[in-house]
């Protein structure tokens, strides 16, 4: 039996921020489309992103969300989507934690 694959947002607020992009200015709409495409990819293959080594995980993610794995998905225009994967016997869920431009990504990950 194949497991069901889902994509979710870590909070309702983040989901709403994603929805707002659709109504925003051109750049926001473009980002919405990039993220939407990423969500489709994650529904096909949750591990299509790049696994982030544990030593690079932002402490905030561990404290706030108690993550056990961390992935990043490179979006066009140097944007990054960060997610974690949870699974049980019947389903796999990619949980979107954040997205940001390259500069903010480097700040979050202390590069």
PDB file of N, CA and C in Angstrom:
ATOM      1  N   UNK A   1       0.834  -1.200   0.000  1.00  0.00           N
ATOM      2  CA  UNK A   1       0.000   0.000   0.000  1.00  0.00           C
ATOM      3  C   UNK A   1       0.873   1.255   0.000  1.00  0.00           C
ATOM      4  N   UNK A   2       0.578   2.167  -0.886  1.00  0.00           N
ATOM      5  CA  UNK A   2       1.307   3.431  -0.904  1.00  0.00           C
ATOM      6  C   UNK A   2       0.787   4.361   0.166  1.00  0.00           C
ATOM      7  N   UNK A   3       1.706   5.085   0.776  1.00  0.00           N
ATOM      8  CA  UNK A   3       1.291   6.062   1.782  1.00  0.00           C
ATOM      9  C   UNK A   3       0.699   7.280   1.086  1.00  0.00           C
ATOM     10  N   UNK A   4      -0.260   7.900   1.745  1.00  0.00           N
ATOM     11  CA  UNK A   4      -0.812   9.155   1.230  1.00  0.00           C
ATOM     12  C   UNK A   4       0.214  10.249   1.501  1.00  0.00           C
ATOM     13  N   UNK A   5       0.355  11.170   0.551  1.00  0.00           N
ATOM     14  CA  UNK A   5       1.307  12.267   0.722  1.00  0.00           C
ATOM     15  C   UNK A   5       0.536  13.575   0.792  1.00  0.00           C
ATOM     16  N   UNK A   6       0.826  14.344   1.835  1.00  0.00           N
ATOM     17  CA  UNK A   6       0.148  15.624   2.032  1.00  0.00           C
ATOM     18  C   UNK A   6       1.178  16.726   2.231  1.00  0.00           C
ATOM     19  N   UNK A   7       0.717  17.954   2.021  1.00  0.00           N
ATOM     20  CA  UNK A   7       1.535  19.124   2.338  1.00  0.00           C
ATOM     21  C   UNK A   7       0.699  20.013   3.239  1.00  0.00           C
ATOM     22  N   UNK A   8       1.316  20.525   4.295  1.00  0.00           N
ATOM     23  CA  UNK A   8       0.601  21.390   5.237  1.00  0.00           C
ATOM     24  C   UNK A   8       1.506  22.563   5.618  1.00  0.00           C
ATOM     25  N   UNK A   9       0.897  23.574   6.205  1.00  0.00           N
ATOM     26  CA  UNK A   9       1.662  24.707   6.719  1.00  0.00           C
ATOM     27  C   UNK A   9       1.743  24.556   8.228  1.00  0.00           C
ATOM     28  N   UNK A  10       2.846  24.968   8.831  1.00  0.00           N
ATOM     29  CA  UNK A  10       3.070  24.784  10.258  1.00  0.00           C
ATOM     30  C   UNK A  10       2.021  25.536  11.089  1.00  0.00           C
ATOM     31  N   UNK A  11       1.544  26.682  10.578  1.00  0.00           N
ATOM     32  CA  UNK A  11       0.503  27.436  11.288  1.00  0.00           C
ATOM     33  C   UNK A  11      -0.535  27.928  10.297  1.00  0.00           C
ATOM     34  N   UNK A  12      -1.702  28.234  10.821  1.00  0.00           N
ATOM     35  CA  UNK A  12      -2.764  28.822  10.000  1.00  0.00           C
ATOM     36  C   UNK A  12      -2.295  30.188   9.463  1.00  0.00           C
ATOM     37  N   UNK A  13      -1.553  30.913  10.294  1.00  0.00           N
ATOM     38  CA  UNK A  13      -1.062  32.237   9.901  1.00  0.00           C
ATOM     39  C   UNK A  13      -0.169  32.138   8.661  1.00  0.00           C
ATOM     40  N   UNK A  14       0.705  31.138   8.649  1.00  0.00           N
ATOM     41  CA  UNK A  14       1.596  30.969   7.498  1.00  0.00           C
ATOM     42  C   UNK A  14       0.781  30.623   6.247  1.00  0.00           C
ATOM     43  N   UNK A  15      -0.218  29.790   6.421  1.00  0.00           N
ATOM     44  CA  UNK A  15      -1.091  29.434   5.296  1.00  0.00           C
ATOM     45  C   UNK A  15      -1.770  30.690   4.750  1.00  0.00           C
ATOM     46  N   UNK A  16      -2.219  31.556   5.656  1.00  0.00           N
ATOM     47  CA  UNK A  16      -2.862  32.805   5.225  1.00  0.00           C
ATOM     48  C   UNK A  16      -1.874  33.716   4.513  1.00  0.00           C
ATOM     49  N   UNK A  17      -0.640  33.785   5.004  1.00  0.00           N
ATOM     50  CA  UNK A  17       0.380  34.601   4.335  1.00  0.00           C
ATOM     51  C   UNK A  17       0.599  34.103   2.910  1.00  0.00           C
ATOM     52  N   UNK A  18       0.582  32.782   2.757  1.00  0.00           N
ATOM     53  CA  UNK A  18       0.721  32.192   1.427  1.00  0.00           C
ATOM     54  C   UNK A  18      -0.452  32.618   0.537  1.00  0.00           C
ATOM     55  N   UNK A  19      -1.678  32.545   1.080  1.00  0.00           N
ATOM     56  CA  UNK A  19      -2.864  32.941   0.313  1.00  0.00           C
ATOM     57  C   UNK A  19      -2.826  34.422  -0.074  1.00  0.00           C
ATOM     58  N   UNK A  20      -2.324  35.269   0.837  1.00  0.00           N
ATOM     59  CA  UNK A  20      -2.236  36.716   0.554  1.00  0.00           C
ATOM     60  C   UNK A  20      -1.330  37.008  -0.637  1.00  0.00           C
ATOM     61  N   UNK A  21      -0.297  36.188  -0.824  1.00  0.00           N
ATOM     62  CA  UNK A  21       0.626  36.416  -1.938  1.00  0.00           C
ATOM     63  C   UNK A  21      -0.120  36.450  -3.266  1.00  0.00           C
ATOM     64  N   UNK A  22      -1.148  35.589  -3.369  1.00  0.00           N
ATOM     65  CA  UNK A  22      -1.912  35.476  -4.606  1.00  0.00           C
ATOM     66  C   UNK A  22      -2.568  36.801  -4.984  1.00  0.00           C
ATOM     67  N   UNK A  23      -2.942  37.584  -3.957  1.00  0.00           N
ATOM     68  CA  UNK A  23      -3.636  38.859  -4.192  1.00  0.00           C
ATOM     69  C   UNK A  23      -2.665  40.038  -4.289  1.00  0.00           C
ATOM     70  N   UNK A  24      -1.388  39.787  -4.033  1.00  0.00           N
ATOM     71  CA  UNK A  24      -0.416  40.880  -3.921  1.00  0.00           C
ATOM     72  C   UNK A  24       0.054  41.439  -5.244  1.00  0.00           C
ATOM     73  N   UNK A  25       1.124  42.221  -5.155  1.00  0.00           N
ATOM     74  CA  UNK A  25       1.702  42.795  -6.368  1.00  0.00           C
ATOM     75  C   UNK A  25       2.372  41.700  -7.191  1.00  0.00           C
ATOM     76  N   UNK A  26       2.851  42.051  -8.358  1.00  0.00           N
ATOM     77  CA  UNK A  26       3.380  41.063  -9.301  1.00  0.00           C
ATOM     78  C   UNK A  26       4.404  40.130  -8.659  1.00  0.00           C
ATOM     79  N   UNK A  27       5.359  40.688  -7.900  1.00  0.00           N
ATOM     80  CA  UNK A  27       6.408  39.863  -7.278  1.00  0.00           C
ATOM     81  C   UNK A  27       5.789  38.851  -6.317  1.00  0.00           C
ATOM     82  N   UNK A  28       4.775  39.295  -5.559  1.00  0.00           N
ATOM     83  CA  UNK A  28       4.110  38.400  -4.616  1.00  0.00           C
ATOM     84  C   UNK A  28       3.414  37.263  -5.360  1.00  0.00           C
ATOM     85  N   UNK A  29       2.736  37.615  -6.445  1.00  0.00           N
ATOM     86  CA  UNK A  29       2.025  36.598  -7.229  1.00  0.00           C
ATOM     87  C   UNK A  29       3.012  35.602  -7.819  1.00  0.00           C
ATOM     88  N   UNK A  30       4.169  36.114  -8.244  1.00  0.00           N
ATOM     89  CA  UNK A  30       5.205  35.250  -8.796  1.00  0.00           C
ATOM     90  C   UNK A  30       5.680  34.273  -7.718  1.00  0.00           C
ATOM     91  N   UNK A  31       5.929  34.794  -6.514  1.00  0.00           N
ATOM     92  CA  UNK A  31       6.368  33.958  -5.400  1.00  0.00           C
ATOM     93  C   UNK A  31       5.299  32.919  -5.060  1.00  0.00           C
ATOM     94  N   UNK A  32       4.039  33.345  -5.085  1.00  0.00           N
ATOM     95  CA  UNK A  32       2.927  32.418  -4.844  1.00  0.00           C
ATOM     96  C   UNK A  32       3.006  31.247  -5.827  1.00  0.00           C
ATOM     97  N   UNK A  33       3.244  31.568  -7.100  1.00  0.00           N
ATOM     98  CA  UNK A  33       3.332  30.529  -8.131  1.00  0.00           C
ATOM     99  C   UNK A  33       4.532  29.612  -7.910  1.00  0.00           C
ATOM    100  N   UNK A  34       5.680  30.205  -7.509  1.00  0.00           N
ATOM    101  CA  UNK A  34       6.878  29.400  -7.223  1.00  0.00           C
ATOM    102  C   UNK A  34       6.578  28.411  -6.094  1.00  0.00           C
ATOM    103  N   UNK A  35       5.974  28.922  -5.016  1.00  0.00           N
ATOM    104  CA  UNK A  35       5.693  28.085  -3.845  1.00  0.00           C
ATOM    105  C   UNK A  35       4.664  27.013  -4.208  1.00  0.00           C
ATOM    106  N   UNK A  36       3.656  27.423  -4.964  1.00  0.00           N
ATOM    107  CA  UNK A  36       2.620  26.476  -5.384  1.00  0.00           C
ATOM    108  C   UNK A  36       3.227  25.310  -6.172  1.00  0.00           C
ATOM    109  N   UNK A  37       4.166  25.638  -7.061  1.00  0.00           N
ATOM    110  CA  UNK A  37       4.844  24.601  -7.849  1.00  0.00           C
ATOM    111  C   UNK A  37       5.636  23.682  -6.915  1.00  0.00           C
ATOM    112  N   UNK A  38       6.291  24.273  -5.913  1.00  0.00           N
ATOM    113  CA  UNK A  38       7.054  23.486  -4.942  1.00  0.00           C
ATOM    114  C   UNK A  38       6.123  22.540  -4.178  1.00  0.00           C
ATOM    115  N   UNK A  39       4.944  23.039  -3.801  1.00  0.00           N
ATOM    116  CA  UNK A  39       3.981  22.201  -3.067  1.00  0.00           C
ATOM    117  C   UNK A  39       3.562  21.008  -3.919  1.00  0.00           C
ATOM    118  N   UNK A  40       3.352  21.254  -5.219  1.00  0.00           N
ATOM    119  CA  UNK A  40       3.014  20.152  -6.133  1.00  0.00           C
ATOM    120  C   UNK A  40       4.145  19.130  -6.187  1.00  0.00           C
ATOM    121  N   UNK A  41       5.391  19.614  -6.261  1.00  0.00           N
ATOM    122  CA  UNK A  41       6.547  18.709  -6.282  1.00  0.00           C
ATOM    123  C   UNK A  41       6.615  17.880  -5.005  1.00  0.00           C
ATOM    124  N   UNK A  42       6.374  18.539  -3.864  1.00  0.00           N
ATOM    125  CA  UNK A  42       6.438  17.837  -2.575  1.00  0.00           C
ATOM    126  C   UNK A  42       5.344  16.780  -2.452  1.00  0.00           C
ATOM    127  N   UNK A  43       4.208  17.026  -3.110  1.00  0.00           N
ATOM    128  CA  UNK A  43       3.128  16.034  -3.093  1.00  0.00           C
ATOM    129  C   UNK A  43       3.535  14.797  -3.899  1.00  0.00           C
ATOM    130  N   UNK A  44       4.390  14.993  -4.902  1.00  0.00           N
ATOM    131  CA  UNK A  44       4.891  13.863  -5.695  1.00  0.00           C
ATOM    132  C   UNK A  44       6.025  13.147  -4.962  1.00  0.00           C
ATOM    133  N   UNK A  45       6.923  13.949  -4.355  1.00  0.00           N
ATOM    134  CA  UNK A  45       8.114  13.388  -3.722  1.00  0.00           C
ATOM    135  C   UNK A  45       8.558  14.281  -2.563  1.00  0.00           C
ATOM    136  N   UNK A  46       8.191  13.902  -1.335  1.00  0.00           N
ATOM    137  CA  UNK A  46       8.505  14.735  -0.166  1.00  0.00           C
ATOM    138  C   UNK A  46      10.005  15.004   0.019  1.00  0.00           C
ATOM    139  N   UNK A  47      10.846  14.113  -0.495  1.00  0.00           N
ATOM    140  CA  UNK A  47      12.286  14.319  -0.314  1.00  0.00           C
ATOM    141  C   UNK A  47      12.951  14.948  -1.537  1.00  0.00           C
ATOM    142  N   UNK A  48      12.172  15.678  -2.346  1.00  0.00           N
ATOM    143  CA  UNK A  48      12.750  16.289  -3.547  1.00  0.00           C
ATOM    144  C   UNK A  48      13.628  17.499  -3.211  1.00  0.00           C
ATOM    145  N   UNK A  49      13.522  18.005  -1.973  1.00  0.00           N
ATOM    146  CA  UNK A  49      14.372  19.119  -1.570  1.00  0.00           C
ATOM    147  C   UNK A  49      15.763  18.629  -1.204  1.00  0.00           C
ATOM    148  N   UNK A  50      16.514  19.498  -0.553  1.00  0.00           N
ATOM    149  CA  UNK A  50      17.877  19.178  -0.131  1.00  0.00           C
ATOM    150  C   UNK A  50      17.864  19.038   1.385  1.00  0.00           C
ATOM    151  N   UNK A  51      18.354  17.925   1.879  1.00  0.00           N
ATOM    152  CA  UNK A  51      18.354  17.696   3.325  1.00  0.00           C
ATOM    153  C   UNK A  51      19.393  18.616   3.981  1.00  0.00           C
ATOM    154  N   UNK A  52      18.968  19.309   5.031  1.00  0.00           N
ATOM    155  CA  UNK A  52      19.857  20.235   5.741  1.00  0.00           C
ATOM    156  C   UNK A  52      20.537  19.467   6.875  1.00  0.00           C
ATOM    157  N   UNK A  53      21.882  19.481   6.933  1.00  0.00           N
ATOM    158  CA  UNK A  53      22.580  18.782   8.019  1.00  0.00           C
ATOM    159  C   UNK A  53      22.159  19.326   9.381  1.00  0.00           C
ATOM    160  N   UNK A  54      22.036  18.428  10.353  1.00  0.00           N
ATOM    161  CA  UNK A  54      21.521  18.786  11.681  1.00  0.00           C
ATOM    162  C   UNK A  54      22.272  19.950  12.314  1.00  0.00           C
ATOM    163  N   UNK A  55      23.586  19.998  12.108  1.00  0.00           N
ATOM    164  CA  UNK A  55      24.362  21.054  12.756  1.00  0.00           C
ATOM    165  C   UNK A  55      24.012  22.452  12.225  1.00  0.00           C
ATOM    166  N   UNK A  56      23.328  22.519  11.090  1.00  0.00           N
ATOM    167  CA  UNK A  56      22.946  23.811  10.502  1.00  0.00           C
ATOM    168  C   UNK A  56      21.520  24.233  10.866  1.00  0.00           C
ATOM    169  N   UNK A  57      20.783  23.361  11.561  1.00  0.00           N
ATOM    170  CA  UNK A  57      19.395  23.699  11.870  1.00  0.00           C
ATOM    171  C   UNK A  57      19.326  24.910  12.778  1.00  0.00           C
ATOM    172  N   UNK A  58      18.471  25.886  12.451  1.00  0.00           N
ATOM    173  CA  UNK A  58      18.255  27.007  13.379  1.00  0.00           C
ATOM    174  C   UNK A  58      17.644  26.490  14.692  1.00  0.00           C
ATOM    175  N   UNK A  59      18.195  26.921  15.802  1.00  0.00           N
ATOM    176  CA  UNK A  59      17.712  26.488  17.120  1.00  0.00           C
ATOM    177  C   UNK A  59      16.219  26.744  17.274  1.00  0.00           C
ATOM    178  N   UNK A  60      15.791  27.859  16.714  1.00  0.00           N
ATOM    179  CA  UNK A  60      14.383  28.252  16.801  1.00  0.00           C
ATOM    180  C   UNK A  60      13.450  27.134  16.312  1.00  0.00           C
ATOM    181  N   UNK A  61      13.812  26.481  15.211  1.00  0.00           N
ATOM    182  CA  UNK A  61      12.970  25.408  14.657  1.00  0.00           C
ATOM    183  C   UNK A  61      12.888  24.237  15.634  1.00  0.00           C
ATOM    184  N   UNK A  62      14.020  23.914  16.245  1.00  0.00           N
ATOM    185  CA  UNK A  62      14.058  22.779  17.164  1.00  0.00           C
ATOM    186  C   UNK A  62      13.219  23.088  18.406  1.00  0.00           C
ATOM    187  N   UNK A  63      13.403  24.292  18.943  1.00  0.00           N
ATOM    188  CA  UNK A  63      12.669  24.679  20.150  1.00  0.00           C
ATOM    189  C   UNK A  63      11.182  24.831  19.886  1.00  0.00           C
ATOM    190  N   UNK A  64      10.867  25.530  18.800  1.00  0.00           N
ATOM    191  CA  UNK A  64       9.469  25.866  18.520  1.00  0.00           C
ATOM    192  C   UNK A  64       8.666  24.674  17.991  1.00  0.00           C
ATOM    193  N   UNK A  65       9.276  23.913  17.087  1.00  0.00           N
ATOM    194  CA  UNK A  65       8.526  22.875  16.372  1.00  0.00           C
ATOM    195  C   UNK A  65       9.002  21.462  16.670  1.00  0.00           C
ATOM    196  N   UNK A  66      10.085  21.340  17.442  1.00  0.00           N
ATOM    197  CA  UNK A  66      10.588  20.017  17.809  1.00  0.00           C
ATOM    198  C   UNK A  66      10.855  19.145  16.578  1.00  0.00           C
ATOM    199  N   UNK A  67      11.483  19.726  15.564  1.00  0.00           N
ATOM    200  CA  UNK A  67      11.708  19.004  14.309  1.00  0.00           C
ATOM    201  C   UNK A  67      12.715  17.863  14.484  1.00  0.00           C
ATOM    202  N   UNK A  68      12.589  16.852  13.642  1.00  0.00           N
ATOM    203  CA  UNK A  68      13.536  15.733  13.629  1.00  0.00           C
ATOM    204  C   UNK A  68      14.258  15.646  12.285  1.00  0.00           C
ATOM    205  N   UNK A  69      13.870  16.501  11.346  1.00  0.00           N
ATOM    206  CA  UNK A  69      14.541  16.584  10.047  1.00  0.00           C
ATOM    207  C   UNK A  69      14.231  17.948   9.456  1.00  0.00           C
ATOM    208  N   UNK A  70      15.069  18.394   8.542  1.00  0.00           N
ATOM    209  CA  UNK A  70      14.866  19.707   7.929  1.00  0.00           C
ATOM    210  C   UNK A  70      15.324  19.656   6.483  1.00  0.00           C
ATOM    211  N   UNK A  71      14.508  20.237   5.626  1.00  0.00           N
ATOM    212  CA  UNK A  71      14.759  20.232   4.190  1.00  0.00           C
ATOM    213  C   UNK A  71      14.611  21.645   3.654  1.00  0.00           C
ATOM    214  N   UNK A  72      15.338  21.925   2.587  1.00  0.00           N
ATOM    215  CA  UNK A  72      15.114  23.193   1.890  1.00  0.00           C
ATOM    216  C   UNK A  72      14.866  22.896   0.427  1.00  0.00           C
ATOM    217  N   UNK A  73      14.020  23.720  -0.135  1.00  0.00           N
ATOM    218  CA  UNK A  73      13.667  23.588  -1.544  1.00  0.00           C
ATOM    219  C   UNK A  73      14.038  24.916  -2.184  1.00  0.00           C
ATOM    220  N   UNK A  74      14.900  24.870  -3.178  1.00  0.00           N
ATOM    221  CA  UNK A  74      15.319  26.096  -3.846  1.00  0.00           C
ATOM    222  C   UNK A  74      14.255  26.533  -4.845  1.00  0.00           C
ATOM    223  N   UNK A  75      13.732  27.722  -4.630  1.00  0.00           N
ATOM    224  CA  UNK A  75      12.749  28.315  -5.535  1.00  0.00           C
ATOM    225  C   UNK A  75      13.483  29.212  -6.519  1.00  0.00           C
ATOM    226  N   UNK A  76      12.835  29.591  -7.620  1.00  0.00           N
ATOM    227  CA  UNK A  76      13.461  30.545  -8.548  1.00  0.00           C
ATOM    228  C   UNK A  76      13.761  31.882  -7.857  1.00  0.00           C
ATOM    229  N   UNK A  77      14.609  32.684  -8.474  1.00  0.00           N
ATOM    230  CA  UNK A  77      14.970  34.025  -7.976  1.00  0.00           C
ATOM    231  C   UNK A  77      15.598  33.977  -6.580  1.00  0.00           C
ATOM    232  N   UNK A  78      16.306  32.897  -6.284  1.00  0.00           N
ATOM    233  CA  UNK A  78      17.052  32.725  -5.024  1.00  0.00           C
ATOM    234  C   UNK A  78      16.173  32.709  -3.772  1.00  0.00           C
ATOM    235  N   UNK A  79      14.887  32.392  -3.921  1.00  0.00           N
ATOM    236  CA  UNK A  79      14.027  32.199  -2.752  1.00  0.00           C
ATOM    237  C   UNK A  79      14.233  30.783  -2.234  1.00  0.00           C
ATOM    238  N   UNK A  80      13.959  30.579  -0.950  1.00  0.00           N
ATOM    239  CA  UNK A  80      14.092  29.262  -0.324  1.00  0.00           C
ATOM    240  C   UNK A  80      12.808  28.914   0.414  1.00  0.00           C
ATOM    241  N   UNK A  81      12.424  27.648   0.322  1.00  0.00           N
ATOM    242  CA  UNK A  81      11.286  27.125   1.074  1.00  0.00           C
ATOM    243  C   UNK A  81      11.873  26.107   2.051  1.00  0.00           C
ATOM    244  N   UNK A  82      11.522  26.224   3.325  1.00  0.00           N
ATOM    245  CA  UNK A  82      12.071  25.323   4.332  1.00  0.00           C
ATOM    246  C   UNK A  82      10.934  24.484   4.905  1.00  0.00           C
ATOM    247  N   UNK A  83      11.177  23.180   5.014  1.00  0.00           N
ATOM    248  CA  UNK A  83      10.107  22.288   5.493  1.00  0.00           C
ATOM    249  C   UNK A  83      10.677  21.110   6.266  1.00  0.00           C
ATOM    250  N   UNK A  84       9.809  20.444   6.980  1.00  0.00           N
ATOM    251  CA  UNK A  84      10.154  19.225   7.692  1.00  0.00           C
ATOM    252  C   UNK A  84       9.172  18.143   7.259  1.00  0.00           C
ATOM    253  N   UNK A  85       9.543  16.885   7.431  1.00  0.00           N
ATOM    254  CA  UNK A  85       8.677  15.782   7.008  1.00  0.00           C
ATOM    255  C   UNK A  85       8.283  14.949   8.222  1.00  0.00           C
ATOM    256  N   UNK A  86       7.004  14.695   8.357  1.00  0.00           N
ATOM    257  CA  UNK A  86       6.508  13.797   9.405  1.00  0.00           C
ATOM    258  C   UNK A  86       5.771  12.664   8.705  1.00  0.00           C
ATOM    259  N   UNK A  87       5.849  11.473   9.300  1.00  0.00           N
ATOM    260  CA  UNK A  87       5.123  10.364   8.690  1.00  0.00           C
ATOM    261  C   UNK A  87       4.691   9.358   9.749  1.00  0.00           C
ATOM    262  N   UNK A  88       3.683   8.586   9.384  1.00  0.00           N
ATOM    263  CA  UNK A  88       3.253   7.453  10.218  1.00  0.00           C
ATOM    264  C   UNK A  88       2.958   6.293   9.264  1.00  0.00           C
ATOM    265  N   UNK A  89       2.202   5.323   9.724  1.00  0.00           N
ATOM    266  CA  UNK A  89       1.965   4.141   8.898  1.00  0.00           C
ATOM    267  C   UNK A  89       1.211   4.458   7.609  1.00  0.00           C
ATOM    268  N   UNK A  90       0.335   5.469   7.655  1.00  0.00           N
ATOM    269  CA  UNK A  90      -0.530   5.699   6.493  1.00  0.00           C
ATOM    270  C   UNK A  90      -0.204   6.929   5.668  1.00  0.00           C
ATOM    271  N   UNK A  91       0.499   7.900   6.275  1.00  0.00           N
ATOM    272  CA  UNK A  91       0.714   9.121   5.490  1.00  0.00           C
ATOM    273  C   UNK A  91       2.075   9.766   5.744  1.00  0.00           C
ATOM    274  N   UNK A  92       2.463  10.567   4.766  1.00  0.00           N
ATOM    275  CA  UNK A  92       3.675  11.380   4.846  1.00  0.00           C
ATOM    276  C   UNK A  92       3.212  12.821   4.685  1.00  0.00           C
ATOM    277  N   UNK A  93       3.648  13.706   5.575  1.00  0.00           N
ATOM    278  CA  UNK A  93       3.254  15.111   5.484  1.00  0.00           C
ATOM    279  C   UNK A  93       4.503  15.986   5.430  1.00  0.00           C
ATOM    280  N   UNK A  94       4.608  16.786   4.374  1.00  0.00           N
ATOM    281  CA  UNK A  94       5.644  17.815   4.304  1.00  0.00           C
ATOM    282  C   UNK A  94       5.048  19.054   4.957  1.00  0.00           C
ATOM    283  N   UNK A  95       5.707  19.550   5.987  1.00  0.00           N
ATOM    284  CA  UNK A  95       5.181  20.700   6.727  1.00  0.00           C
ATOM    285  C   UNK A  95       6.037  21.926   6.428  1.00  0.00           C
ATOM    286  N   UNK A  96       5.409  22.905   5.800  1.00  0.00           N
ATOM    287  CA  UNK A  96       6.116  24.127   5.422  1.00  0.00           C
ATOM    288  C   UNK A  96       6.344  24.982   6.677  1.00  0.00           C
ATOM    289  N   UNK A  97       7.609  25.332   6.927  1.00  0.00           N
ATOM    290  CA  UNK A  97       7.948  26.149   8.093  1.00  0.00           C
ATOM    291  C   UNK A  97       8.082  27.622   7.721  1.00  0.00           C
ATOM    292  N   UNK A  98       8.735  27.887   6.597  1.00  0.00           N
ATOM    293  CA  UNK A  98       9.001  29.274   6.198  1.00  0.00           C
ATOM    294  C   UNK A  98       9.419  29.317   4.747  1.00  0.00           C
ATOM    295  N   UNK A  99       9.366  30.497   4.182  1.00  0.00           N
ATOM    296  CA  UNK A  99      10.042  30.765   2.904  1.00  0.00           C
ATOM    297  C   UNK A  99      10.662  32.138   3.037  1.00  0.00           C
ATOM    298  N   UNK A 100      11.760  32.336   2.368  1.00  0.00           N
ATOM    299  CA  UNK A 100      12.401  33.646   2.416  1.00  0.00           C
ATOM    300  C   UNK A 100      13.364  33.821   1.259  1.00  0.00           C
ATOM    301  N   UNK A 101      13.737  35.092   1.052  1.00  0.00           N
ATOM    302  CA  UNK A 101      14.720  35.390   0.019  1.00  0.00           C
ATOM    303  C   UNK A 101      16.095  34.977   0.530  1.00  0.00           C
ATOM    304  N   UNK A 102      17.069  35.026  -0.336  1.00  0.00           N
ATOM    305  CA  UNK A 102      18.378  34.487   0.000  1.00  0.00           C
ATOM    306  C   UNK A 102      19.022  35.197   1.195  1.00  0.00           C
ATOM    307  N   UNK A 103      18.853  36.499   1.240  1.00  0.00           N
ATOM    308  CA  UNK A 103      19.472  37.273   2.330  1.00  0.00           C
ATOM    309  C   UNK A 103      18.906  36.861   3.689  1.00  0.00           C
ATOM    310  N   UNK A 104      17.583  36.757   3.774  1.00  0.00           N
ATOM    311  CA  UNK A 104      16.943  36.366   5.034  1.00  0.00           C
ATOM    312  C   UNK A 104      17.252  34.907   5.372  1.00  0.00           C
ATOM    313  N   UNK A 105      17.378  34.093   4.338  1.00  0.00           N
ATOM    314  CA  UNK A 105      17.735  32.685   4.529  1.00  0.00           C
ATOM    315  C   UNK A 105      19.121  32.590   5.167  1.00  0.00           C
ATOM    316  N   UNK A 106      20.060  33.370   4.633  1.00  0.00           N
ATOM    317  CA  UNK A 106      21.420  33.346   5.179  1.00  0.00           C
ATOM    318  C   UNK A 106      21.436  33.816   6.628  1.00  0.00           C
ATOM    319  N   UNK A 107      20.601  34.806   6.922  1.00  0.00           N
ATOM    320  CA  UNK A 107      20.496  35.296   8.307  1.00  0.00           C
ATOM    321  C   UNK A 107      19.967  34.205   9.233  1.00  0.00           C
ATOM    322  N   UNK A 108      18.879  33.559   8.815  1.00  0.00           N
ATOM    323  CA  UNK A 108      18.254  32.522   9.635  1.00  0.00           C
ATOM    324  C   UNK A 108      19.225  31.370   9.894  1.00  0.00           C
ATOM    325  N   UNK A 109      19.984  31.018   8.864  1.00  0.00           N
ATOM    326  CA  UNK A 109      20.891  29.873   8.976  1.00  0.00           C
ATOM    327  C   UNK A 109      22.313  30.283   9.351  1.00  0.00           C
ATOM    328  N   UNK A 110      22.490  31.543   9.675  1.00  0.00           N
ATOM    329  CA  UNK A 110      23.802  32.075  10.104  1.00  0.00           C
ATOM    330  C   UNK A 110      24.947  31.779   9.143  1.00  0.00           C
ATOM    331  N   UNK A 111      24.687  31.990   7.853  1.00  0.00           N
ATOM    332  CA  UNK A 111      25.779  31.782   6.868  1.00  0.00           C
ATOM    333  C   UNK A 111      26.644  33.014   6.825  1.00  0.00           C
TER     334      UNK A 111
END
